[in-house]
Amino acid sequence: MLFHLNLLHLVLVLGAIAAVSLALREIRGRILRRKHLFLLPAVATLMALVLVLFELAAKQPPWVLGATFALGLAAGAARGATMKLEVDQNWHLVRPTGRRALFWVAMAIPVAVALEIGGAIVGPPGALARLAGAGIGILCAGLLVGRAAVLAIRLMQAPHVDLRRR
């Protein structure tokens, strides 16, 4: 352990880089395969689980973390329900629109990681920063998972739009 950091902090940094790159691919408005819509929520969930482990080890109340995730799920589900969506049912392609919210959620993930790492370096006085970082990360994961869950349902019922010829 160097500066109170461990290998899970490296996993968080790599996950933040992966989350931002996955979000940038979707933000550019390119046509994606359906499965690519679910990679970002998977990475964010993995990162949230690591943050939850840190906070449970610090003896933080688990209901706070669960409530934060539930709030994110509800907000993400509302966002997924109101998004405009173009789906090519034949080739299983999708072009999501309304990418501003995704940009801010993706930028909040590295902030959460920075708060966690900064709080770990500081030591016991950084416990509040670590809790704030975990809250931000868990909220972002809830937003992305809620959005992906509603989009998965909407993908089945969306009308066909030919995206290969655009």
N, C-alpha and C. Protein backbone atom coordinates (compact mmCIF):
# COMPACT_ATOMS: atom_id res chain seq x y z
N MET A 1 0.84 -1.18 0.00
CA MET A 1 0.00 0.00 0.00
C MET A 1 0.88 1.24 0.00
N LEU A 2 0.63 2.08 -0.93
CA LEU A 2 1.39 3.31 -1.06
C LEU A 2 0.41 4.47 -0.92
N PHE A 3 0.65 5.34 0.02
CA PHE A 3 -0.24 6.48 0.30
C PHE A 3 -1.66 6.03 0.61
N HIS A 4 -1.83 4.89 1.26
CA HIS A 4 -3.13 4.31 1.61
C HIS A 4 -3.94 3.91 0.37
N LEU A 5 -3.26 3.66 -0.75
CA LEU A 5 -3.93 3.21 -1.96
C LEU A 5 -3.66 1.72 -2.16
N ASN A 6 -4.57 1.04 -2.84
CA ASN A 6 -4.37 -0.37 -3.16
C ASN A 6 -4.74 -0.62 -4.62
N LEU A 7 -4.74 -1.86 -5.02
CA LEU A 7 -4.99 -2.19 -6.43
C LEU A 7 -6.43 -1.87 -6.86
N LEU A 8 -7.34 -1.84 -5.93
CA LEU A 8 -8.72 -1.48 -6.29
C LEU A 8 -8.81 -0.03 -6.75
N HIS A 9 -7.94 0.81 -6.25
CA HIS A 9 -7.91 2.19 -6.73
C HIS A 9 -7.45 2.24 -8.19
N LEU A 10 -6.53 1.36 -8.56
CA LEU A 10 -6.12 1.26 -9.95
C LEU A 10 -7.28 0.77 -10.82
N VAL A 11 -8.05 -0.17 -10.30
CA VAL A 11 -9.24 -0.64 -11.02
C VAL A 11 -10.22 0.52 -11.22
N LEU A 12 -10.37 1.38 -10.21
CA LEU A 12 -11.26 2.54 -10.34
C LEU A 12 -10.76 3.51 -11.41
N VAL A 13 -9.47 3.75 -11.45
CA VAL A 13 -8.92 4.67 -12.46
C VAL A 13 -9.12 4.09 -13.86
N LEU A 14 -8.82 2.82 -14.03
CA LEU A 14 -9.01 2.19 -15.34
C LEU A 14 -10.49 2.16 -15.72
N GLY A 15 -11.36 1.93 -14.75
CA GLY A 15 -12.80 1.95 -15.01
C GLY A 15 -13.29 3.33 -15.40
N ALA A 16 -12.74 4.38 -14.78
CA ALA A 16 -13.14 5.74 -15.14
C ALA A 16 -12.71 6.07 -16.56
N ILE A 17 -11.52 5.63 -16.93
CA ILE A 17 -11.05 5.86 -18.31
C ILE A 17 -11.95 5.11 -19.29
N ALA A 18 -12.28 3.87 -18.98
CA ALA A 18 -13.15 3.08 -19.84
C ALA A 18 -14.55 3.70 -19.92
N ALA A 19 -15.08 4.19 -18.80
CA ALA A 19 -16.41 4.78 -18.80
C ALA A 19 -16.46 6.04 -19.67
N VAL A 20 -15.45 6.87 -19.55
CA VAL A 20 -15.44 8.10 -20.36
C VAL A 20 -15.30 7.76 -21.84
N SER A 21 -14.46 6.79 -22.18
CA SER A 21 -14.30 6.45 -23.59
C SER A 21 -15.56 5.82 -24.16
N LEU A 22 -16.24 4.98 -23.38
CA LEU A 22 -17.50 4.39 -23.84
C LEU A 22 -18.58 5.46 -23.99
N ALA A 23 -18.61 6.41 -23.08
CA ALA A 23 -19.61 7.48 -23.17
C ALA A 23 -19.33 8.37 -24.38
N LEU A 24 -18.06 8.65 -24.64
CA LEU A 24 -17.72 9.49 -25.79
C LEU A 24 -18.13 8.83 -27.10
N ARG A 25 -18.04 7.51 -27.16
CA ARG A 25 -18.46 6.80 -28.37
C ARG A 25 -19.96 7.00 -28.60
N GLU A 26 -20.73 6.97 -27.53
CA GLU A 26 -22.17 7.15 -27.67
C GLU A 26 -22.55 8.62 -27.87
N ILE A 27 -21.80 9.52 -27.25
CA ILE A 27 -22.12 10.94 -27.33
C ILE A 27 -21.93 11.48 -28.74
N ARG A 28 -21.00 10.92 -29.47
CA ARG A 28 -20.72 11.40 -30.83
C ARG A 28 -21.89 11.19 -31.78
N GLY A 29 -22.89 10.44 -31.38
CA GLY A 29 -24.08 10.26 -32.21
C GLY A 29 -23.91 9.21 -33.28
N ARG A 30 -22.93 8.38 -33.14
CA ARG A 30 -22.71 7.32 -34.12
C ARG A 30 -23.71 6.20 -33.93
N ILE A 31 -23.86 5.42 -34.97
CA ILE A 31 -24.72 4.25 -34.91
C ILE A 31 -23.98 3.16 -34.13
N LEU A 32 -24.68 2.55 -33.19
CA LEU A 32 -24.08 1.54 -32.31
C LEU A 32 -24.83 0.23 -32.43
N ARG A 33 -24.16 -0.84 -32.11
CA ARG A 33 -24.85 -2.11 -31.91
C ARG A 33 -25.59 -2.02 -30.58
N ARG A 34 -26.64 -2.79 -30.45
CA ARG A 34 -27.45 -2.74 -29.22
C ARG A 34 -26.64 -3.06 -27.98
N LYS A 35 -25.75 -4.04 -28.09
CA LYS A 35 -24.99 -4.46 -26.91
C LYS A 35 -24.06 -3.36 -26.41
N HIS A 36 -23.66 -2.43 -27.26
CA HIS A 36 -22.77 -1.35 -26.83
C HIS A 36 -23.46 -0.37 -25.90
N LEU A 37 -24.78 -0.32 -25.93
CA LEU A 37 -25.51 0.54 -25.01
C LEU A 37 -25.41 0.05 -23.56
N PHE A 38 -25.06 -1.21 -23.37
CA PHE A 38 -25.05 -1.78 -22.04
C PHE A 38 -23.65 -1.95 -21.46
N LEU A 39 -22.62 -1.60 -22.22
CA LEU A 39 -21.25 -1.69 -21.71
C LEU A 39 -20.97 -0.63 -20.66
N LEU A 40 -21.38 0.60 -20.92
CA LEU A 40 -21.16 1.69 -19.97
C LEU A 40 -21.84 1.44 -18.63
N PRO A 41 -23.11 1.02 -18.59
CA PRO A 41 -23.70 0.70 -17.28
C PRO A 41 -22.99 -0.45 -16.56
N ALA A 42 -22.47 -1.42 -17.32
CA ALA A 42 -21.75 -2.53 -16.69
C ALA A 42 -20.46 -2.04 -16.03
N VAL A 43 -19.73 -1.17 -16.72
CA VAL A 43 -18.49 -0.63 -16.15
C VAL A 43 -18.81 0.24 -14.93
N ALA A 44 -19.83 1.07 -15.04
CA ALA A 44 -20.20 1.93 -13.92
C ALA A 44 -20.67 1.12 -12.72
N THR A 45 -21.36 0.02 -12.95
CA THR A 45 -21.81 -0.83 -11.85
C THR A 45 -20.63 -1.50 -11.16
N LEU A 46 -19.67 -1.96 -11.94
CA LEU A 46 -18.47 -2.55 -11.35
C LEU A 46 -17.73 -1.54 -10.48
N MET A 47 -17.62 -0.32 -10.98
CA MET A 47 -16.97 0.73 -10.19
C MET A 47 -17.77 1.06 -8.94
N ALA A 48 -19.08 1.09 -9.05
CA ALA A 48 -19.92 1.36 -7.88
C ALA A 48 -19.78 0.27 -6.83
N LEU A 49 -19.65 -0.96 -7.26
CA LEU A 49 -19.45 -2.05 -6.30
C LEU A 49 -18.13 -1.91 -5.55
N VAL A 50 -17.10 -1.49 -6.24
CA VAL A 50 -15.81 -1.26 -5.58
C VAL A 50 -15.94 -0.12 -4.56
N LEU A 51 -16.63 0.95 -4.96
CA LEU A 51 -16.84 2.06 -4.04
C LEU A 51 -17.68 1.65 -2.83
N VAL A 52 -18.67 0.80 -3.06
CA VAL A 52 -19.49 0.30 -1.96
C VAL A 52 -18.64 -0.53 -1.00
N LEU A 53 -17.75 -1.34 -1.54
CA LEU A 53 -16.87 -2.13 -0.68
C LEU A 53 -16.01 -1.24 0.21
N PHE A 54 -15.47 -0.17 -0.36
CA PHE A 54 -14.67 0.76 0.43
C PHE A 54 -15.49 1.38 1.55
N GLU A 55 -16.72 1.77 1.23
CA GLU A 55 -17.55 2.43 2.24
C GLU A 55 -18.06 1.46 3.30
N LEU A 56 -18.35 0.24 2.91
CA LEU A 56 -18.76 -0.75 3.90
C LEU A 56 -17.60 -1.10 4.83
N ALA A 57 -16.39 -1.11 4.28
CA ALA A 57 -15.21 -1.35 5.13
C ALA A 57 -14.99 -0.20 6.11
N ALA A 58 -15.42 1.01 5.71
CA ALA A 58 -15.31 2.18 6.59
C ALA A 58 -16.50 2.29 7.53
N LYS A 59 -17.36 1.28 7.52
CA LYS A 59 -18.52 1.19 8.41
C LYS A 59 -19.54 2.32 8.19
N GLN A 60 -19.75 2.68 6.92
CA GLN A 60 -20.79 3.63 6.58
C GLN A 60 -22.12 2.87 6.50
N PRO A 61 -23.24 3.54 6.80
CA PRO A 61 -24.53 2.84 6.76
C PRO A 61 -24.90 2.43 5.33
N PRO A 62 -25.20 1.16 5.13
CA PRO A 62 -25.50 0.69 3.77
C PRO A 62 -26.79 1.25 3.19
N TRP A 63 -27.73 1.67 4.04
CA TRP A 63 -28.99 2.19 3.51
C TRP A 63 -28.78 3.50 2.76
N VAL A 64 -27.78 4.27 3.14
CA VAL A 64 -27.50 5.52 2.43
C VAL A 64 -27.06 5.22 1.00
N LEU A 65 -26.19 4.23 0.87
CA LEU A 65 -25.70 3.85 -0.45
C LEU A 65 -26.83 3.25 -1.29
N GLY A 66 -27.67 2.43 -0.68
CA GLY A 66 -28.81 1.85 -1.39
C GLY A 66 -29.82 2.90 -1.83
N ALA A 67 -30.06 3.88 -0.96
CA ALA A 67 -31.00 4.95 -1.31
C ALA A 67 -30.46 5.79 -2.46
N THR A 68 -29.15 6.02 -2.46
CA THR A 68 -28.53 6.77 -3.55
C THR A 68 -28.67 6.02 -4.86
N PHE A 69 -28.45 4.71 -4.83
CA PHE A 69 -28.60 3.91 -6.05
C PHE A 69 -30.05 3.90 -6.52
N ALA A 70 -31.00 3.79 -5.60
CA ALA A 70 -32.42 3.79 -5.97
C ALA A 70 -32.83 5.12 -6.58
N LEU A 71 -32.31 6.22 -6.04
CA LEU A 71 -32.59 7.53 -6.61
C LEU A 71 -32.05 7.62 -8.03
N GLY A 72 -30.84 7.11 -8.24
CA GLY A 72 -30.25 7.10 -9.58
C GLY A 72 -31.04 6.22 -10.54
N LEU A 73 -31.52 5.06 -10.05
CA LEU A 73 -32.33 4.19 -10.90
C LEU A 73 -33.60 4.89 -11.38
N ALA A 74 -34.26 5.58 -10.46
CA ALA A 74 -35.51 6.26 -10.82
C ALA A 74 -35.25 7.38 -11.82
N ALA A 75 -34.22 8.17 -11.58
CA ALA A 75 -33.92 9.27 -12.51
C ALA A 75 -33.46 8.73 -13.86
N GLY A 76 -32.66 7.66 -13.86
CA GLY A 76 -32.21 7.06 -15.11
C GLY A 76 -33.35 6.44 -15.89
N ALA A 77 -34.29 5.84 -15.20
CA ALA A 77 -35.45 5.25 -15.87
C ALA A 77 -36.31 6.34 -16.51
N ALA A 78 -36.46 7.46 -15.81
CA ALA A 78 -37.21 8.58 -16.38
C ALA A 78 -36.50 9.12 -17.62
N ARG A 79 -35.18 9.20 -17.57
CA ARG A 79 -34.42 9.68 -18.72
C ARG A 79 -34.53 8.71 -19.89
N GLY A 80 -34.43 7.41 -19.61
CA GLY A 80 -34.54 6.42 -20.67
C GLY A 80 -35.92 6.40 -21.31
N ALA A 81 -36.94 6.71 -20.53
CA ALA A 81 -38.31 6.71 -21.07
C ALA A 81 -38.58 7.92 -21.95
N THR A 82 -37.86 9.01 -21.74
CA THR A 82 -38.13 10.23 -22.50
C THR A 82 -37.16 10.46 -23.65
N MET A 83 -36.17 9.60 -23.80
CA MET A 83 -35.19 9.77 -24.88
C MET A 83 -35.78 9.45 -26.24
N LYS A 84 -35.34 10.20 -27.23
CA LYS A 84 -35.69 9.85 -28.61
C LYS A 84 -34.73 8.75 -29.04
N LEU A 85 -35.25 7.76 -29.75
CA LEU A 85 -34.47 6.58 -30.06
C LEU A 85 -34.74 6.15 -31.50
N GLU A 86 -33.69 5.91 -32.27
CA GLU A 86 -33.82 5.38 -33.62
C GLU A 86 -33.23 3.98 -33.63
N VAL A 87 -34.01 3.01 -34.08
CA VAL A 87 -33.59 1.61 -34.02
C VAL A 87 -33.76 0.96 -35.39
N ASP A 88 -32.72 0.29 -35.83
CA ASP A 88 -32.78 -0.54 -37.03
C ASP A 88 -33.00 -1.97 -36.55
N GLN A 89 -34.22 -2.46 -36.69
CA GLN A 89 -34.58 -3.78 -36.16
C GLN A 89 -33.92 -4.91 -36.95
N ASN A 90 -33.63 -4.69 -38.23
CA ASN A 90 -33.05 -5.75 -39.05
C ASN A 90 -31.59 -6.01 -38.69
N TRP A 91 -30.82 -4.95 -38.54
CA TRP A 91 -29.39 -5.08 -38.29
C TRP A 91 -29.03 -4.90 -36.82
N HIS A 92 -30.00 -4.72 -35.96
CA HIS A 92 -29.80 -4.55 -34.51
C HIS A 92 -28.88 -3.37 -34.23
N LEU A 93 -29.17 -2.26 -34.88
CA LEU A 93 -28.42 -1.03 -34.69
C LEU A 93 -29.30 -0.02 -33.98
N VAL A 94 -28.66 0.93 -33.30
CA VAL A 94 -29.40 1.94 -32.57
C VAL A 94 -28.62 3.25 -32.61
N ARG A 95 -29.35 4.35 -32.68
CA ARG A 95 -28.75 5.67 -32.55
C ARG A 95 -29.53 6.43 -31.49
N PRO A 96 -28.99 6.48 -30.27
CA PRO A 96 -29.66 7.26 -29.22
C PRO A 96 -29.41 8.75 -29.43
N THR A 97 -30.35 9.55 -29.00
CA THR A 97 -30.19 11.00 -29.09
C THR A 97 -30.27 11.58 -27.69
N GLY A 98 -30.07 12.87 -27.58
CA GLY A 98 -30.14 13.51 -26.27
C GLY A 98 -28.95 13.13 -25.42
N ARG A 99 -27.77 13.56 -25.84
CA ARG A 99 -26.55 13.07 -25.24
C ARG A 99 -25.94 14.00 -24.19
N ARG A 100 -26.54 15.13 -23.92
CA ARG A 100 -25.96 16.06 -22.94
C ARG A 100 -25.92 15.47 -21.53
N ALA A 101 -26.99 14.83 -21.14
CA ALA A 101 -27.04 14.24 -19.80
C ALA A 101 -26.00 13.14 -19.65
N LEU A 102 -25.83 12.34 -20.70
CA LEU A 102 -24.83 11.28 -20.65
C LEU A 102 -23.43 11.85 -20.50
N PHE A 103 -23.17 12.99 -21.14
CA PHE A 103 -21.87 13.63 -21.02
C PHE A 103 -21.57 14.01 -19.57
N TRP A 104 -22.54 14.60 -18.90
CA TRP A 104 -22.32 15.03 -17.51
C TRP A 104 -22.21 13.86 -16.56
N VAL A 105 -22.97 12.81 -16.80
CA VAL A 105 -22.85 11.62 -15.96
C VAL A 105 -21.48 10.98 -16.16
N ALA A 106 -21.03 10.92 -17.42
CA ALA A 106 -19.72 10.33 -17.69
C ALA A 106 -18.59 11.16 -17.09
N MET A 107 -18.74 12.46 -17.03
CA MET A 107 -17.70 13.31 -16.44
C MET A 107 -17.74 13.25 -14.91
N ALA A 108 -18.86 12.88 -14.33
CA ALA A 108 -18.95 12.77 -12.87
C ALA A 108 -18.24 11.52 -12.36
N ILE A 109 -18.10 10.50 -13.20
CA ILE A 109 -17.46 9.26 -12.76
C ILE A 109 -15.99 9.49 -12.41
N PRO A 110 -15.18 10.17 -13.24
CA PRO A 110 -13.80 10.45 -12.82
C PRO A 110 -13.72 11.36 -11.60
N VAL A 111 -14.69 12.24 -11.42
CA VAL A 111 -14.72 13.09 -10.22
C VAL A 111 -14.91 12.21 -8.98
N ALA A 112 -15.80 11.23 -9.08
CA ALA A 112 -16.02 10.31 -7.95
C ALA A 112 -14.75 9.53 -7.63
N VAL A 113 -14.05 9.09 -8.66
CA VAL A 113 -12.80 8.36 -8.45
C VAL A 113 -11.75 9.27 -7.84
N ALA A 114 -11.67 10.50 -8.30
CA ALA A 114 -10.70 11.45 -7.74
C ALA A 114 -10.98 11.73 -6.27
N LEU A 115 -12.26 11.86 -5.91
CA LEU A 115 -12.60 12.07 -4.50
C LEU A 115 -12.22 10.86 -3.65
N GLU A 116 -12.45 9.67 -4.17
CA GLU A 116 -12.09 8.45 -3.43
C GLU A 116 -10.58 8.37 -3.23
N ILE A 117 -9.83 8.60 -4.30
CA ILE A 117 -8.38 8.49 -4.20
C ILE A 117 -7.81 9.62 -3.34
N GLY A 118 -8.33 10.82 -3.50
CA GLY A 118 -7.87 11.93 -2.66
C GLY A 118 -8.16 11.70 -1.20
N GLY A 119 -9.34 11.19 -0.91
CA GLY A 119 -9.69 10.89 0.48
C GLY A 119 -8.85 9.77 1.06
N ALA A 120 -8.49 8.81 0.23
CA ALA A 120 -7.64 7.71 0.70
C ALA A 120 -6.22 8.20 0.98
N ILE A 121 -5.73 9.11 0.17
CA ILE A 121 -4.38 9.65 0.37
C ILE A 121 -4.33 10.47 1.65
N VAL A 122 -5.36 11.27 1.90
CA VAL A 122 -5.39 12.11 3.09
C VAL A 122 -5.48 11.27 4.36
N GLY A 123 -6.18 10.16 4.29
CA GLY A 123 -6.32 9.30 5.46
C GLY A 123 -7.66 9.51 6.15
N PRO A 124 -7.70 9.37 7.48
CA PRO A 124 -8.98 9.50 8.21
C PRO A 124 -9.68 10.85 8.02
N PRO A 125 -8.98 11.98 7.88
CA PRO A 125 -9.73 13.22 7.64
C PRO A 125 -10.45 13.26 6.29
N GLY A 126 -10.08 12.38 5.39
CA GLY A 126 -10.70 12.36 4.07
C GLY A 126 -11.91 11.46 3.96
N ALA A 127 -12.45 11.02 5.10
CA ALA A 127 -13.59 10.10 5.07
C ALA A 127 -14.82 10.73 4.42
N LEU A 128 -15.03 12.02 4.64
CA LEU A 128 -16.19 12.69 4.03
C LEU A 128 -16.03 12.78 2.51
N ALA A 129 -14.82 13.05 2.05
CA ALA A 129 -14.57 13.09 0.60
C ALA A 129 -14.79 11.72 -0.01
N ARG A 130 -14.36 10.68 0.69
CA ARG A 130 -14.55 9.32 0.18
C ARG A 130 -16.04 8.97 0.11
N LEU A 131 -16.80 9.38 1.12
CA LEU A 131 -18.24 9.13 1.11
C LEU A 131 -18.92 9.90 -0.02
N ALA A 132 -18.49 11.13 -0.24
CA ALA A 132 -19.05 11.92 -1.34
C ALA A 132 -18.71 11.28 -2.68
N GLY A 133 -17.48 10.82 -2.83
CA GLY A 133 -17.08 10.15 -4.07
C GLY A 133 -17.89 8.89 -4.31
N ALA A 134 -18.10 8.12 -3.25
CA ALA A 134 -18.90 6.90 -3.39
C ALA A 134 -20.34 7.24 -3.74
N GLY A 135 -20.88 8.28 -3.13
CA GLY A 135 -22.25 8.69 -3.44
C GLY A 135 -22.40 9.11 -4.89
N ILE A 136 -21.45 9.88 -5.38
CA ILE A 136 -21.49 10.32 -6.79
C ILE A 136 -21.38 9.13 -7.73
N GLY A 137 -20.44 8.23 -7.44
CA GLY A 137 -20.25 7.06 -8.29
C GLY A 137 -21.46 6.14 -8.30
N ILE A 138 -22.06 5.94 -7.14
CA ILE A 138 -23.23 5.07 -7.04
C ILE A 138 -24.43 5.72 -7.72
N LEU A 139 -24.58 7.02 -7.58
CA LEU A 139 -25.66 7.73 -8.26
C LEU A 139 -25.50 7.62 -9.78
N CYS A 140 -24.28 7.80 -10.27
CA CYS A 140 -24.03 7.68 -11.71
C CYS A 140 -24.34 6.27 -12.21
N ALA A 141 -23.93 5.28 -11.45
CA ALA A 141 -24.22 3.89 -11.83
C ALA A 141 -25.73 3.65 -11.87
N GLY A 142 -26.45 4.17 -10.88
CA GLY A 142 -27.90 4.03 -10.88
C GLY A 142 -28.54 4.72 -12.08
N LEU A 143 -28.06 5.90 -12.41
CA LEU A 143 -28.57 6.61 -13.58
C LEU A 143 -28.37 5.79 -14.86
N LEU A 144 -27.18 5.25 -15.03
CA LEU A 144 -26.87 4.51 -16.24
C LEU A 144 -27.61 3.17 -16.30
N VAL A 145 -27.74 2.50 -15.18
CA VAL A 145 -28.45 1.22 -15.15
C VAL A 145 -29.94 1.43 -15.39
N GLY A 146 -30.52 2.45 -14.76
CA GLY A 146 -31.94 2.74 -14.97
C GLY A 146 -32.23 3.10 -16.41
N ARG A 147 -31.36 3.91 -17.00
CA ARG A 147 -31.50 4.29 -18.41
C ARG A 147 -31.39 3.06 -19.31
N ALA A 148 -30.42 2.20 -19.04
CA ALA A 148 -30.22 1.01 -19.87
C ALA A 148 -31.39 0.04 -19.73
N ALA A 149 -31.94 -0.09 -18.54
CA ALA A 149 -33.06 -1.01 -18.34
C ALA A 149 -34.28 -0.57 -19.14
N VAL A 150 -34.57 0.71 -19.10
CA VAL A 150 -35.73 1.21 -19.86
C VAL A 150 -35.45 1.15 -21.35
N LEU A 151 -34.22 1.44 -21.76
CA LEU A 151 -33.88 1.36 -23.19
C LEU A 151 -33.99 -0.08 -23.69
N ALA A 152 -33.64 -1.06 -22.85
CA ALA A 152 -33.76 -2.46 -23.26
C ALA A 152 -35.21 -2.81 -23.56
N ILE A 153 -36.12 -2.29 -22.76
CA ILE A 153 -37.54 -2.54 -23.00
C ILE A 153 -38.01 -1.80 -24.25
N ARG A 154 -37.56 -0.56 -24.39
CA ARG A 154 -37.98 0.25 -25.54
C ARG A 154 -37.41 -0.26 -26.85
N LEU A 155 -36.24 -0.88 -26.83
CA LEU A 155 -35.63 -1.39 -28.06
C LEU A 155 -36.49 -2.45 -28.73
N MET A 156 -37.19 -3.23 -27.92
CA MET A 156 -38.04 -4.28 -28.47
C MET A 156 -39.27 -3.72 -29.18
N GLN A 157 -39.76 -2.57 -28.72
CA GLN A 157 -41.01 -2.03 -29.24
C GLN A 157 -40.81 -0.85 -30.18
N ALA A 158 -39.58 -0.43 -30.40
CA ALA A 158 -39.33 0.76 -31.22
C ALA A 158 -39.61 0.47 -32.69
N PRO A 159 -40.14 1.45 -33.40
CA PRO A 159 -40.39 1.25 -34.83
C PRO A 159 -39.07 1.18 -35.60
N HIS A 160 -39.10 0.50 -36.72
CA HIS A 160 -37.91 0.31 -37.53
C HIS A 160 -37.54 1.60 -38.27
N VAL A 161 -36.26 1.95 -38.21
CA VAL A 161 -35.69 3.05 -38.98
C VAL A 161 -34.45 2.50 -39.67
N ASP A 162 -34.34 2.68 -40.97
CA ASP A 162 -33.21 2.15 -41.71
C ASP A 162 -31.98 3.02 -41.45
N LEU A 163 -31.07 2.55 -40.61
CA LEU A 163 -29.90 3.34 -40.22
C LEU A 163 -28.69 3.04 -41.10
N ARG A 164 -28.71 1.98 -41.87
CA ARG A 164 -27.55 1.62 -42.68
C ARG A 164 -27.39 2.52 -43.89
N ARG A 165 -28.43 3.19 -44.32
CA ARG A 165 -28.35 4.02 -45.52
C ARG A 165 -28.12 5.49 -45.22
N ARG A 166 -28.04 5.85 -43.95
CA ARG A 166 -27.85 7.26 -43.60
C ARG A 166 -26.40 7.63 -43.60
